[in-house]
């Protein structure tokens, strides 16, 4: 995981699994640059608020643009079910490859 003292977002390093615990979530609109067309577009993003990264207390956001990852996390959204789990997430390679869930552990 890349980090800096002022980093507010969880950033994934390709090939490095990261263990996350979520405390809250929201859906918001973001303007991003489409990686293929190279134009700015508005997309919905699932914002997962993180309170632990690899067991370390943090106050960060994990922004999910991948429809597949958002669908996998959606089962945990009702009643904030994700607060009872830790998620190991990995980005397999650089570029537009979306992150995926490696494992989910009940706390």
N, C-alpha and C. Protein backbone atom coordinates (compact mmCIF):
# COMPACT_ATOMS: atom_id res chain seq x y z
N UNK A 1 0.84 -1.19 0.00
CA UNK A 1 0.00 0.00 0.00
C UNK A 1 0.88 1.24 0.00
N UNK A 2 0.57 2.18 -0.85
CA UNK A 2 1.27 3.45 -0.85
C UNK A 2 0.65 4.33 0.20
N UNK A 3 1.46 5.09 0.89
CA UNK A 3 0.87 5.99 1.87
C UNK A 3 1.72 7.25 1.96
N UNK A 4 1.09 8.31 2.41
CA UNK A 4 1.78 9.55 2.71
C UNK A 4 1.09 10.13 3.94
N UNK A 5 1.74 11.04 4.63
CA UNK A 5 1.14 11.58 5.86
C UNK A 5 -0.20 12.28 5.63
N UNK A 6 -0.47 12.74 4.39
CA UNK A 6 -1.72 13.46 4.14
C UNK A 6 -2.69 12.67 3.26
N UNK A 7 -2.42 11.40 3.06
CA UNK A 7 -3.26 10.59 2.20
C UNK A 7 -4.60 10.29 2.88
N UNK A 8 -5.69 10.71 2.24
CA UNK A 8 -7.03 10.47 2.78
C UNK A 8 -7.69 9.26 2.16
N UNK A 9 -7.09 8.71 1.11
CA UNK A 9 -7.67 7.58 0.40
C UNK A 9 -6.76 6.37 0.54
N UNK A 10 -7.36 5.19 0.60
CA UNK A 10 -6.60 3.95 0.56
C UNK A 10 -6.16 3.75 -0.88
N UNK A 11 -4.87 3.59 -1.08
CA UNK A 11 -4.32 3.36 -2.42
C UNK A 11 -3.75 1.95 -2.45
N UNK A 12 -4.09 1.21 -3.48
CA UNK A 12 -3.62 -0.17 -3.60
C UNK A 12 -2.39 -0.24 -4.48
N UNK A 13 -1.40 -1.01 -4.02
CA UNK A 13 -0.21 -1.31 -4.82
C UNK A 13 -0.47 -2.63 -5.52
N UNK A 14 -0.30 -2.69 -6.84
CA UNK A 14 -0.55 -3.95 -7.56
C UNK A 14 0.20 -5.13 -6.94
N UNK A 15 -0.55 -6.22 -6.73
CA UNK A 15 0.02 -7.46 -6.21
C UNK A 15 0.15 -7.53 -4.71
N UNK A 16 -0.22 -6.46 -3.99
CA UNK A 16 -0.08 -6.44 -2.53
C UNK A 16 -1.47 -6.46 -1.89
N UNK A 17 -1.83 -7.55 -1.20
CA UNK A 17 -3.14 -7.59 -0.54
C UNK A 17 -3.19 -6.64 0.65
N UNK A 18 -4.36 -6.04 0.86
CA UNK A 18 -4.56 -5.10 1.96
C UNK A 18 -5.80 -5.54 2.74
N UNK A 19 -5.68 -5.58 4.06
CA UNK A 19 -6.79 -5.97 4.94
C UNK A 19 -7.48 -4.68 5.42
N UNK A 20 -8.77 -4.56 5.10
CA UNK A 20 -9.54 -3.36 5.42
C UNK A 20 -10.73 -3.67 6.32
N UNK A 21 -11.01 -2.73 7.23
CA UNK A 21 -12.25 -2.78 8.02
C UNK A 21 -13.00 -1.49 7.74
N UNK A 22 -14.27 -1.63 7.39
CA UNK A 22 -15.10 -0.49 7.03
C UNK A 22 -16.01 -0.09 8.18
N UNK A 23 -16.20 1.24 8.35
CA UNK A 23 -17.07 1.74 9.42
C UNK A 23 -18.35 2.39 8.89
N UNK A 24 -18.34 2.78 7.62
CA UNK A 24 -19.52 3.44 7.05
C UNK A 24 -19.36 3.44 5.53
N UNK A 25 -20.41 3.87 4.85
CA UNK A 25 -20.34 3.95 3.39
C UNK A 25 -21.30 5.03 2.88
N UNK A 26 -21.09 5.43 1.64
CA UNK A 26 -21.98 6.36 0.95
C UNK A 26 -21.78 6.15 -0.55
N UNK A 27 -22.76 6.56 -1.31
CA UNK A 27 -22.65 6.54 -2.77
C UNK A 27 -22.62 8.00 -3.21
N UNK A 28 -21.62 8.32 -4.03
CA UNK A 28 -21.52 9.70 -4.50
C UNK A 28 -21.10 9.73 -5.96
N UNK A 29 -21.31 10.86 -6.59
CA UNK A 29 -20.91 11.06 -7.98
C UNK A 29 -19.52 11.67 -7.99
N UNK A 30 -18.68 11.16 -8.90
CA UNK A 30 -17.32 11.68 -9.07
C UNK A 30 -17.06 11.92 -10.54
N UNK A 31 -16.22 12.89 -10.83
CA UNK A 31 -15.78 13.13 -12.19
C UNK A 31 -14.40 12.49 -12.31
N UNK A 32 -14.27 11.57 -13.28
CA UNK A 32 -13.01 10.88 -13.51
C UNK A 32 -12.64 11.00 -14.98
N UNK A 33 -11.39 10.71 -15.30
CA UNK A 33 -10.98 10.64 -16.69
C UNK A 33 -11.11 9.20 -17.16
N UNK A 34 -11.95 8.99 -18.16
CA UNK A 34 -12.13 7.65 -18.71
C UNK A 34 -10.79 7.17 -19.25
N UNK A 35 -10.30 6.00 -18.76
CA UNK A 35 -8.96 5.56 -19.14
C UNK A 35 -8.81 5.17 -20.62
N UNK A 36 -9.91 4.90 -21.29
CA UNK A 36 -9.84 4.50 -22.70
C UNK A 36 -10.06 5.70 -23.62
N UNK A 37 -11.14 6.44 -23.35
CA UNK A 37 -11.48 7.58 -24.22
C UNK A 37 -10.73 8.86 -23.87
N UNK A 38 -10.15 8.92 -22.65
CA UNK A 38 -9.38 10.09 -22.19
C UNK A 38 -10.23 11.36 -22.10
N UNK A 39 -11.51 11.20 -21.76
CA UNK A 39 -12.39 12.35 -21.54
C UNK A 39 -12.95 12.26 -20.13
N UNK A 40 -13.33 13.39 -19.59
CA UNK A 40 -13.91 13.39 -18.25
C UNK A 40 -15.37 12.94 -18.31
N UNK A 41 -15.71 12.05 -17.36
CA UNK A 41 -17.07 11.53 -17.27
C UNK A 41 -17.48 11.49 -15.80
N UNK A 42 -18.79 11.57 -15.56
CA UNK A 42 -19.31 11.47 -14.20
C UNK A 42 -19.71 10.03 -13.94
N UNK A 43 -19.27 9.47 -12.83
CA UNK A 43 -19.57 8.08 -12.45
C UNK A 43 -19.98 8.03 -10.99
N UNK A 44 -20.85 7.05 -10.68
CA UNK A 44 -21.16 6.79 -9.28
C UNK A 44 -20.02 6.02 -8.65
N UNK A 45 -19.72 6.36 -7.41
CA UNK A 45 -18.65 5.69 -6.68
C UNK A 45 -19.20 5.24 -5.33
N UNK A 46 -18.87 4.01 -4.96
CA UNK A 46 -19.20 3.52 -3.62
C UNK A 46 -18.04 3.92 -2.72
N UNK A 47 -18.29 4.81 -1.78
CA UNK A 47 -17.27 5.29 -0.87
C UNK A 47 -17.36 4.48 0.42
N UNK A 48 -16.34 3.68 0.68
CA UNK A 48 -16.28 2.88 1.90
C UNK A 48 -15.33 3.58 2.86
N UNK A 49 -15.86 3.97 4.02
CA UNK A 49 -15.06 4.67 5.02
C UNK A 49 -14.32 3.64 5.87
N UNK A 50 -13.00 3.77 5.93
CA UNK A 50 -12.11 2.77 6.51
C UNK A 50 -11.60 3.26 7.87
N UNK A 51 -11.68 2.37 8.87
CA UNK A 51 -11.11 2.72 10.17
C UNK A 51 -9.89 1.86 10.53
N UNK A 52 -9.62 0.81 9.73
CA UNK A 52 -8.41 0.01 9.95
C UNK A 52 -7.85 -0.48 8.62
N UNK A 53 -6.54 -0.32 8.46
CA UNK A 53 -5.82 -0.86 7.31
C UNK A 53 -4.71 -1.76 7.87
N UNK A 54 -4.80 -3.04 7.53
CA UNK A 54 -3.83 -4.02 8.04
C UNK A 54 -3.71 -3.95 9.57
N UNK A 55 -4.86 -3.72 10.25
CA UNK A 55 -4.89 -3.67 11.70
C UNK A 55 -4.53 -2.33 12.31
N UNK A 56 -4.08 -1.38 11.50
CA UNK A 56 -3.69 -0.06 12.00
C UNK A 56 -4.87 0.91 11.91
N UNK A 57 -5.14 1.64 13.00
CA UNK A 57 -6.23 2.60 13.02
C UNK A 57 -5.96 3.74 12.04
N UNK A 58 -6.94 4.03 11.19
CA UNK A 58 -6.85 5.11 10.20
C UNK A 58 -8.22 5.77 10.07
N UNK A 59 -8.26 6.86 9.34
CA UNK A 59 -9.51 7.52 8.97
C UNK A 59 -9.38 7.86 7.49
N UNK A 60 -9.74 6.88 6.63
CA UNK A 60 -9.54 7.02 5.19
C UNK A 60 -10.78 6.57 4.43
N UNK A 61 -10.74 6.76 3.13
CA UNK A 61 -11.82 6.35 2.24
C UNK A 61 -11.26 5.39 1.20
N UNK A 62 -12.01 4.31 0.94
CA UNK A 62 -11.70 3.39 -0.15
C UNK A 62 -12.79 3.60 -1.19
N UNK A 63 -12.42 4.21 -2.32
CA UNK A 63 -13.38 4.57 -3.35
C UNK A 63 -13.49 3.43 -4.36
N UNK A 64 -14.70 2.94 -4.57
CA UNK A 64 -14.94 1.80 -5.46
C UNK A 64 -15.67 2.29 -6.71
N UNK A 65 -14.99 2.20 -7.86
CA UNK A 65 -15.61 2.51 -9.14
C UNK A 65 -15.96 1.25 -9.91
N UNK A 66 -15.32 0.14 -9.58
CA UNK A 66 -15.56 -1.13 -10.27
C UNK A 66 -16.96 -1.65 -9.96
N UNK A 67 -17.73 -1.91 -11.01
CA UNK A 67 -19.08 -2.44 -10.82
C UNK A 67 -19.04 -3.82 -10.18
N UNK A 68 -18.05 -4.63 -10.55
CA UNK A 68 -17.95 -5.97 -9.99
C UNK A 68 -17.65 -5.93 -8.49
N UNK A 69 -16.68 -5.11 -8.09
CA UNK A 69 -16.35 -5.02 -6.67
C UNK A 69 -17.51 -4.40 -5.89
N UNK A 70 -18.17 -3.40 -6.45
CA UNK A 70 -19.33 -2.80 -5.78
C UNK A 70 -20.43 -3.83 -5.60
N UNK A 71 -20.64 -4.69 -6.60
CA UNK A 71 -21.66 -5.74 -6.49
C UNK A 71 -21.29 -6.74 -5.39
N UNK A 72 -20.00 -7.09 -5.30
CA UNK A 72 -19.58 -8.02 -4.25
C UNK A 72 -19.78 -7.41 -2.86
N UNK A 73 -19.50 -6.12 -2.72
CA UNK A 73 -19.67 -5.45 -1.43
C UNK A 73 -21.13 -5.18 -1.09
N UNK A 74 -21.99 -5.11 -2.11
CA UNK A 74 -23.39 -4.74 -1.89
C UNK A 74 -24.12 -5.69 -0.94
N UNK A 75 -23.71 -6.94 -0.88
CA UNK A 75 -24.34 -7.90 0.04
C UNK A 75 -24.11 -7.51 1.49
N UNK A 76 -23.07 -6.71 1.75
CA UNK A 76 -22.73 -6.32 3.13
C UNK A 76 -23.25 -4.93 3.50
N UNK A 77 -23.85 -4.21 2.54
CA UNK A 77 -24.30 -2.84 2.80
C UNK A 77 -25.53 -2.74 3.71
N UNK A 78 -26.54 -3.61 3.57
CA UNK A 78 -27.71 -3.48 4.44
C UNK A 78 -27.31 -3.55 5.92
N UNK A 79 -27.84 -2.61 6.69
CA UNK A 79 -27.60 -2.53 8.14
C UNK A 79 -26.10 -2.46 8.46
N UNK A 80 -25.31 -1.97 7.51
CA UNK A 80 -23.87 -1.83 7.69
C UNK A 80 -23.23 -3.15 8.13
N UNK A 81 -23.65 -4.24 7.49
CA UNK A 81 -23.15 -5.56 7.83
C UNK A 81 -21.64 -5.68 7.73
N UNK A 82 -21.02 -4.86 6.88
CA UNK A 82 -19.57 -4.90 6.70
C UNK A 82 -18.80 -4.61 7.98
N UNK A 83 -19.44 -3.95 8.97
CA UNK A 83 -18.73 -3.63 10.20
C UNK A 83 -18.36 -4.88 11.00
N UNK A 84 -18.97 -6.01 10.69
CA UNK A 84 -18.67 -7.27 11.37
C UNK A 84 -17.60 -8.10 10.66
N UNK A 85 -16.97 -7.53 9.62
CA UNK A 85 -16.03 -8.29 8.80
C UNK A 85 -14.76 -7.49 8.51
N UNK A 86 -13.69 -8.21 8.18
CA UNK A 86 -12.50 -7.63 7.59
C UNK A 86 -12.40 -8.18 6.18
N UNK A 87 -12.02 -7.33 5.25
CA UNK A 87 -11.93 -7.68 3.84
C UNK A 87 -10.48 -7.60 3.38
N UNK A 88 -9.98 -8.64 2.75
CA UNK A 88 -8.67 -8.57 2.12
C UNK A 88 -8.93 -8.31 0.63
N UNK A 89 -8.36 -7.20 0.16
CA UNK A 89 -8.59 -6.75 -1.21
C UNK A 89 -7.24 -6.62 -1.90
N UNK A 90 -7.20 -6.98 -3.19
CA UNK A 90 -5.97 -6.89 -3.96
C UNK A 90 -6.28 -6.32 -5.34
N UNK A 91 -5.33 -5.57 -5.86
CA UNK A 91 -5.35 -5.14 -7.26
C UNK A 91 -4.27 -5.96 -7.92
N UNK A 92 -4.66 -6.87 -8.80
CA UNK A 92 -3.72 -7.85 -9.35
C UNK A 92 -2.62 -7.26 -10.21
N UNK A 93 -2.91 -6.17 -10.92
CA UNK A 93 -1.86 -5.57 -11.75
C UNK A 93 -2.17 -4.10 -11.97
N UNK A 94 -1.20 -3.38 -12.49
CA UNK A 94 -1.36 -1.95 -12.73
C UNK A 94 -2.37 -1.71 -13.86
N UNK A 95 -2.73 -0.47 -14.02
CA UNK A 95 -3.65 -0.11 -15.10
C UNK A 95 -5.10 -0.18 -14.67
N UNK A 96 -5.96 -0.50 -15.62
CA UNK A 96 -7.40 -0.45 -15.36
C UNK A 96 -7.97 -1.74 -14.78
N UNK A 97 -7.11 -2.66 -14.36
CA UNK A 97 -7.58 -3.90 -13.74
C UNK A 97 -8.22 -3.54 -12.40
N UNK A 98 -9.50 -3.90 -12.19
CA UNK A 98 -10.16 -3.53 -10.93
C UNK A 98 -9.69 -4.39 -9.77
N UNK A 99 -9.76 -3.85 -8.56
CA UNK A 99 -9.44 -4.65 -7.39
C UNK A 99 -10.49 -5.73 -7.18
N UNK A 100 -10.13 -6.74 -6.39
CA UNK A 100 -11.07 -7.82 -6.08
C UNK A 100 -10.91 -8.23 -4.62
N UNK A 101 -11.95 -8.85 -4.10
CA UNK A 101 -11.91 -9.37 -2.74
C UNK A 101 -11.22 -10.72 -2.76
N UNK A 102 -10.20 -10.88 -1.92
CA UNK A 102 -9.48 -12.14 -1.79
C UNK A 102 -10.15 -13.00 -0.72
N UNK A 103 -10.51 -12.37 0.41
CA UNK A 103 -11.16 -13.10 1.50
C UNK A 103 -11.95 -12.15 2.37
N UNK A 104 -12.91 -12.72 3.08
CA UNK A 104 -13.73 -11.98 4.03
C UNK A 104 -13.73 -12.77 5.32
N UNK A 105 -13.37 -12.11 6.43
CA UNK A 105 -13.28 -12.78 7.72
C UNK A 105 -14.26 -12.15 8.70
N UNK A 106 -15.11 -13.00 9.29
CA UNK A 106 -16.05 -12.50 10.31
C UNK A 106 -15.27 -12.20 11.59
N UNK A 107 -15.56 -11.07 12.20
CA UNK A 107 -14.85 -10.67 13.43
C UNK A 107 -15.53 -11.25 14.67
